[in-house]
């Protein structure tokens, strides 16, 4: 259910964000903006 990234740097960043709920929210919001 997590956003699927196709670049290694995004995968690494996603792992860092998953360490905090606030970061996870940032990832979801950023993913939504990318698909608008």
Protein backbone atom coordinates (compact mmCIF):
# COMPACT_ATOMS: atom_id res chain seq x y z
CA UNK A 1 0.00 0.00 0.00
CA UNK A 2 3.06 2.25 0.12
CA UNK A 3 3.84 4.49 -2.85
CA UNK A 4 6.07 2.69 -5.32
CA UNK A 5 9.25 4.54 -6.28
CA UNK A 6 11.37 3.60 -9.27
CA UNK A 7 14.60 5.34 -8.22
CA UNK A 8 17.08 3.97 -5.63
CA UNK A 9 17.51 7.39 -3.98
CA UNK A 10 13.75 7.56 -3.40
CA UNK A 11 13.78 4.10 -1.83
CA UNK A 12 16.55 5.18 0.53
CA UNK A 13 14.68 8.38 1.39
CA UNK A 14 11.49 6.42 1.98
CA UNK A 15 13.30 4.19 4.48
CA UNK A 16 14.46 7.28 6.38
CA UNK A 17 10.97 8.76 6.38
CA UNK A 18 9.47 5.52 7.69
CA UNK A 19 11.40 6.06 10.92
CA UNK A 20 8.85 8.72 11.93
CA UNK A 21 5.08 9.13 11.36
CA UNK A 22 5.58 12.75 10.29
CA UNK A 23 8.00 11.61 7.60
CA UNK A 24 5.55 9.02 6.33
CA UNK A 25 2.90 11.72 5.98
CA UNK A 26 5.38 13.85 4.02
CA UNK A 27 6.01 10.95 1.62
CA UNK A 28 2.29 10.40 1.04
CA UNK A 29 1.65 14.11 0.43
CA UNK A 30 4.64 14.37 -1.92
CA UNK A 31 3.45 11.29 -3.82
CA UNK A 32 -0.03 12.78 -4.24
CA UNK A 33 1.42 16.03 -5.62
CA UNK A 34 3.58 14.12 -8.10
CA UNK A 35 0.46 12.43 -9.54
CA UNK A 36 -1.71 15.56 -9.81
